[in-house]
Amino acid sequence: MARPSKKTAPSKHDSSETEETPKKLSEHQTRRRIEDILEQREFDKQFEI
């Protein structure tokens, strides 16, 4: 049982390493999402008047 745990250790490190790129991507996505939401709000305001 010691061998499988040894194998999971590197995979854990790999996942933490690959997590960084999606984080940067998601940050960009959320920023664009906020812009889209703000645009949508402005659009909705025009129709409210």
N, C-alpha and C. Protein backbone atom coordinates (compact mmCIF):
# COMPACT_ATOMS: atom_id res chain seq x y z
N MET A 1 0.84 -1.22 0.00
CA MET A 1 0.00 0.00 0.00
C MET A 1 0.87 1.27 0.00
N ALA A 2 2.15 1.10 0.30
CA ALA A 2 3.04 2.26 0.31
C ALA A 2 3.33 2.75 -1.10
N ARG A 3 3.26 1.81 -2.07
CA ARG A 3 3.60 2.19 -3.46
C ARG A 3 2.52 3.11 -4.08
N PRO A 4 1.24 2.80 -3.95
CA PRO A 4 0.21 3.68 -4.54
C PRO A 4 0.27 5.10 -3.97
N SER A 5 0.50 5.21 -2.66
CA SER A 5 0.55 6.54 -2.04
C SER A 5 1.73 7.33 -2.60
N LYS A 6 2.81 6.61 -2.93
CA LYS A 6 3.97 7.29 -3.51
C LYS A 6 3.61 7.82 -4.89
N LYS A 7 2.74 7.09 -5.58
CA LYS A 7 2.35 7.49 -6.93
C LYS A 7 1.40 8.70 -6.90
N THR A 8 0.59 8.81 -5.88
CA THR A 8 -0.36 9.92 -5.81
C THR A 8 0.34 11.23 -5.45
N ALA A 9 1.47 11.15 -4.79
CA ALA A 9 2.19 12.36 -4.39
C ALA A 9 2.59 13.22 -5.60
N PRO A 10 3.23 12.63 -6.62
CA PRO A 10 3.61 13.44 -7.79
C PRO A 10 2.38 13.97 -8.54
N SER A 11 1.33 13.18 -8.61
CA SER A 11 0.13 13.62 -9.32
C SER A 11 -0.49 14.83 -8.61
N LYS A 12 -0.40 14.84 -7.30
CA LYS A 12 -0.92 15.99 -6.53
C LYS A 12 -0.13 17.24 -6.91
N HIS A 13 1.20 17.09 -7.01
CA HIS A 13 2.06 18.22 -7.38
C HIS A 13 1.71 18.68 -8.79
N ASP A 14 1.45 17.72 -9.67
CA ASP A 14 1.12 18.06 -11.06
C ASP A 14 -0.18 18.88 -11.10
N SER A 15 -1.17 18.45 -10.35
CA SER A 15 -2.46 19.14 -10.38
C SER A 15 -2.31 20.58 -9.88
N SER A 16 -1.50 20.77 -8.84
CA SER A 16 -1.31 22.12 -8.30
C SER A 16 -0.57 22.99 -9.31
N GLU A 17 0.30 22.35 -10.11
CA GLU A 17 1.05 23.12 -11.11
C GLU A 17 0.13 23.53 -12.25
N THR A 18 -0.72 22.61 -12.69
CA THR A 18 -1.62 22.90 -13.80
C THR A 18 -2.77 23.81 -13.36
N GLU A 19 -2.99 23.89 -12.07
CA GLU A 19 -4.09 24.73 -11.56
C GLU A 19 -3.81 26.21 -11.83
N GLU A 20 -2.53 26.56 -11.92
CA GLU A 20 -2.18 27.97 -12.08
C GLU A 20 -2.66 28.54 -13.42
N THR A 21 -2.52 27.76 -14.48
CA THR A 21 -2.92 28.29 -15.79
C THR A 21 -4.43 28.50 -15.88
N PRO A 22 -5.25 27.54 -15.47
CA PRO A 22 -6.69 27.79 -15.50
C PRO A 22 -7.09 28.98 -14.63
N LYS A 23 -6.38 29.19 -13.55
CA LYS A 23 -6.69 30.33 -12.67
C LYS A 23 -6.53 31.63 -13.45
N LYS A 24 -5.42 31.74 -14.18
CA LYS A 24 -5.19 32.95 -14.97
C LYS A 24 -6.27 33.08 -16.04
N LEU A 25 -6.62 31.96 -16.63
CA LEU A 25 -7.64 31.95 -17.67
C LEU A 25 -8.99 32.36 -17.08
N SER A 26 -9.34 31.76 -15.96
CA SER A 26 -10.63 32.05 -15.34
C SER A 26 -10.69 33.52 -14.90
N GLU A 27 -9.54 34.05 -14.47
CA GLU A 27 -9.51 35.46 -14.06
C GLU A 27 -9.87 36.34 -15.25
N HIS A 28 -9.32 35.99 -16.40
CA HIS A 28 -9.62 36.76 -17.61
C HIS A 28 -11.09 36.56 -17.99
N GLN A 29 -11.57 35.33 -17.84
CA GLN A 29 -12.97 35.04 -18.19
C GLN A 29 -13.93 35.79 -17.28
N THR A 30 -13.66 35.79 -15.98
CA THR A 30 -14.56 36.47 -15.04
C THR A 30 -14.54 37.97 -15.30
N ARG A 31 -13.38 38.49 -15.67
CA ARG A 31 -13.29 39.92 -15.95
C ARG A 31 -14.17 40.27 -17.16
N ARG A 32 -14.10 39.42 -18.19
CA ARG A 32 -14.93 39.65 -19.38
C ARG A 32 -16.40 39.45 -19.02
N ARG A 33 -16.65 38.50 -18.13
CA ARG A 33 -18.04 38.23 -17.72
C ARG A 33 -18.61 39.46 -17.03
N ILE A 34 -17.83 40.08 -16.17
CA ILE A 34 -18.29 41.27 -15.46
C ILE A 34 -18.59 42.37 -16.47
N GLU A 35 -17.70 42.52 -17.47
CA GLU A 35 -17.93 43.53 -18.50
C GLU A 35 -19.22 43.24 -19.24
N ASP A 36 -19.44 41.97 -19.54
CA ASP A 36 -20.67 41.58 -20.25
C ASP A 36 -21.90 41.91 -19.40
N ILE A 37 -21.81 41.62 -18.11
CA ILE A 37 -22.94 41.88 -17.22
C ILE A 37 -23.21 43.38 -17.14
N LEU A 38 -22.14 44.17 -17.05
CA LEU A 38 -22.31 45.62 -16.99
C LEU A 38 -22.94 46.13 -18.28
N GLU A 39 -22.49 45.59 -19.40
CA GLU A 39 -23.07 45.99 -20.69
C GLU A 39 -24.54 45.62 -20.73
N GLN A 40 -24.85 44.44 -20.24
CA GLN A 40 -26.24 43.97 -20.23
C GLN A 40 -27.09 44.89 -19.36
N ARG A 41 -26.54 45.35 -18.25
CA ARG A 41 -27.28 46.24 -17.35
C ARG A 41 -27.57 47.56 -18.05
N GLU A 42 -26.57 48.09 -18.73
CA GLU A 42 -26.77 49.34 -19.46
C GLU A 42 -27.84 49.14 -20.53
N PHE A 43 -27.79 48.00 -21.17
CA PHE A 43 -28.77 47.66 -22.21
C PHE A 43 -30.17 47.61 -21.60
N ASP A 44 -30.27 46.96 -20.44
CA ASP A 44 -31.57 46.84 -19.77
C ASP A 44 -32.07 48.22 -19.34
N LYS A 45 -31.17 49.08 -18.89
CA LYS A 45 -31.57 50.41 -18.44
C LYS A 45 -32.22 51.18 -19.59
N GLN A 46 -31.66 51.04 -20.77
CA GLN A 46 -32.20 51.75 -21.93
C GLN A 46 -33.66 51.34 -22.17
N PHE A 47 -33.94 50.08 -21.93
CA PHE A 47 -35.30 49.60 -22.16
C PHE A 47 -36.24 50.00 -21.02
N GLU A 48 -35.65 50.22 -19.84
CA GLU A 48 -36.48 50.59 -18.69
C GLU A 48 -37.09 51.97 -18.89
N ILE A 49 -36.32 52.86 -19.47
CA ILE A 49 -36.78 54.25 -19.62
C ILE A 49 -37.93 54.31 -20.63
